[in-house]
C-alpha atoms as a PDB file:
ATOM      1  CA  MET A   1     -13.021 -15.664   8.283  1.00  0.00           C
ATOM      2  CA  PHE A   2     -10.862 -13.177  10.366  1.00  0.00           C
ATOM      3  CA  ILE A   3      -7.908 -13.806   8.029  1.00  0.00           C
ATOM      4  CA  LEU A   4     -10.063 -12.928   4.995  1.00  0.00           C
ATOM      5  CA  LEU A   5     -11.062  -9.692   6.620  1.00  0.00           C
ATOM      6  CA  PHE A   6      -7.467  -8.957   7.505  1.00  0.00           C
ATOM      7  CA  PHE A   7      -6.617  -9.553   3.827  1.00  0.00           C
ATOM      8  CA  LEU A   8      -9.342  -7.086   2.674  1.00  0.00           C
ATOM      9  CA  ILE A   9      -8.188  -4.524   5.050  1.00  0.00           C
ATOM     10  CA  GLY A  10      -4.625  -4.851   3.696  1.00  0.00           C
ATOM     11  CA  PHE A  11      -5.949  -4.557   0.245  1.00  0.00           C
ATOM     12  CA  GLY A  12      -7.603  -1.301   1.127  1.00  0.00           C
ATOM     13  CA  PHE A  13      -4.573   0.077   2.533  1.00  0.00           C
ATOM     14  CA  ALA A  14      -2.518  -0.879  -0.432  1.00  0.00           C
ATOM     15  CA  VAL A  15      -5.016   0.606  -2.894  1.00  0.00           C
ATOM     16  CA  SER A  16      -5.310   3.763  -1.017  1.00  0.00           C
ATOM     17  CA  GLY A  17      -1.697   4.318  -0.706  1.00  0.00           C
ATOM     18  CA  GLY A  18      -0.901   3.243  -4.204  1.00  0.00           C
ATOM     19  CA  VAL A  19      -3.445   5.550  -5.692  1.00  0.00           C
ATOM     20  CA  SER A  20      -2.175   8.479  -3.601  1.00  0.00           C
ATOM     21  CA  MET A  21       1.352   7.904  -4.844  1.00  0.00           C
ATOM     22  CA  ILE A  22       0.096   7.810  -8.399  1.00  0.00           C
ATOM     23  CA  ILE A  23      -1.823  11.026  -7.828  1.00  0.00           C
ATOM     24  CA  TYR A  24       1.358  12.617  -6.466  1.00  0.00           C
ATOM     25  CA  LEU A  25       3.014  11.917  -9.834  1.00  0.00           C
ATOM     26  CA  ASN A  26       1.003  14.959 -11.020  1.00  0.00           C
ATOM     27  CA  VAL A  27       3.291  17.173  -8.832  1.00  0.00           C
ATOM     28  CA  ILE A  28       6.403  16.448 -10.983  1.00  0.00           C
ATOM     29  CA  PRO A  29       5.269  18.534 -13.968  1.00  0.00           C
ATOM     30  CA  ALA A  30       4.781  21.360 -11.596  1.00  0.00           C
ATOM     31  CA  GLY A  31       8.531  21.808 -11.312  1.00  0.00           C
ATOM     32  CA  LEU A  32       9.515  19.495  -8.483  1.00  0.00           C
ATOM     33  CA  SER A  33      12.406  17.144  -8.972  1.00  0.00           C
ATOM     34  CA  PHE A  34      12.161  13.315  -8.594  1.00  0.00           C
ATOM     35  CA  GLN A  35      13.810  13.641  -5.120  1.00  0.00           C
ATOM     36  CA  ASP A  36      10.973  15.851  -4.011  1.00  0.00           C
ATOM     37  CA  TYR A  37       8.532  13.325  -5.316  1.00  0.00           C
ATOM     38  CA  MET A  38      10.139  10.578  -3.289  1.00  0.00           C
ATOM     39  CA  GLN A  39       9.890  12.710  -0.221  1.00  0.00           C
ATOM     40  CA  LEU A  40       6.210  13.663  -0.710  1.00  0.00           C
ATOM     41  CA  PRO A  41       4.566  10.404  -0.081  1.00  0.00           C
ATOM     42  CA  GLN A  42       6.689   9.708   2.851  1.00  0.00           C
ATOM     43  CA  ALA A  43       5.668  13.005   4.347  1.00  0.00           C
ATOM     44  CA  LYS A  44       1.978  12.485   3.546  1.00  0.00           C
ATOM     45  CA  GLY A  45       1.795   8.819   4.696  1.00  0.00           C
ATOM     46  CA  ALA A  46       0.972   7.259   1.426  1.00  0.00           C
ATOM     47  CA  LEU A  47       3.986   5.126   1.393  1.00  0.00           C
ATOM     48  CA  ILE A  48       3.224   3.895   4.876  1.00  0.00           C
ATOM     49  CA  PHE A  49      -0.230   2.792   4.028  1.00  0.00           C
ATOM     50  CA  PHE A  50       0.999   1.109   0.819  1.00  0.00           C
ATOM     51  CA  MET A  51       3.667  -0.867   2.604  1.00  0.00           C
ATOM     52  CA  LEU A  52       1.376  -1.687   5.606  1.00  0.00           C
ATOM     53  CA  GLY A  53      -1.167  -2.981   3.054  1.00  0.00           C
ATOM     54  CA  ILE A  54       1.363  -5.006   1.135  1.00  0.00           C
ATOM     55  CA  ILE A  55       2.707  -6.653   4.354  1.00  0.00           C
ATOM     56  CA  THR A  56      -0.791  -7.277   5.760  1.00  0.00           C
ATOM     57  CA  MET A  57      -1.870  -8.934   2.450  1.00  0.00           C
ATOM     58  CA  GLY A  58       1.214 -11.029   2.422  1.00  0.00           C
ATOM     59  CA  PHE A  59       0.673 -12.203   5.997  1.00  0.00           C
ATOM     60  CA  SER A  60      -2.945 -13.129   5.360  1.00  0.00           C
ATOM     61  CA  LEU A  61      -2.248 -14.946   2.173  1.00  0.00           C
ATOM     62  CA  ASN A  62       0.367 -16.955   3.905  1.00  0.00           C
ATOM     63  CA  LYS A  63      -2.074 -17.927   6.524  1.00  0.00           C
ATOM     64  CA  LEU A  64      -4.900 -18.562   4.019  1.00  0.00           C
ATOM     65  CA  THR A  65      -2.697 -20.923   1.981  1.00  0.00           C
ATOM     66  CA  ARG A  66      -1.727 -22.899   5.127  1.00  0.00           C
ATOM     67  CA  ILE A  67      -5.549 -23.194   6.068  1.00  0.00           C
ATOM     68  CA  PHE A  68      -6.732 -24.297   2.675  1.00  0.00           C
ATOM     69  CA  VAL A  69      -3.828 -26.185   1.149  1.00  0.00           C
ATOM     70  CA  LYS A  70      -3.053 -29.287   3.127  1.00  0.00           C
END
């Protein structure tokens, strides 16, 4: 049960980080370059949330498959 909660927390982190990075795409038409776009999510922390969520989900899926598939 704890692993499932861990998965859902990771999913929330991945969604919030991913949505924030998509929202930051609206900054590109405002005159910023692609390099500026790549620096913006790192500065705001969206990339950290996205990667933390992906890693957390991967860890919990690995544990869930070991529990349920024997």
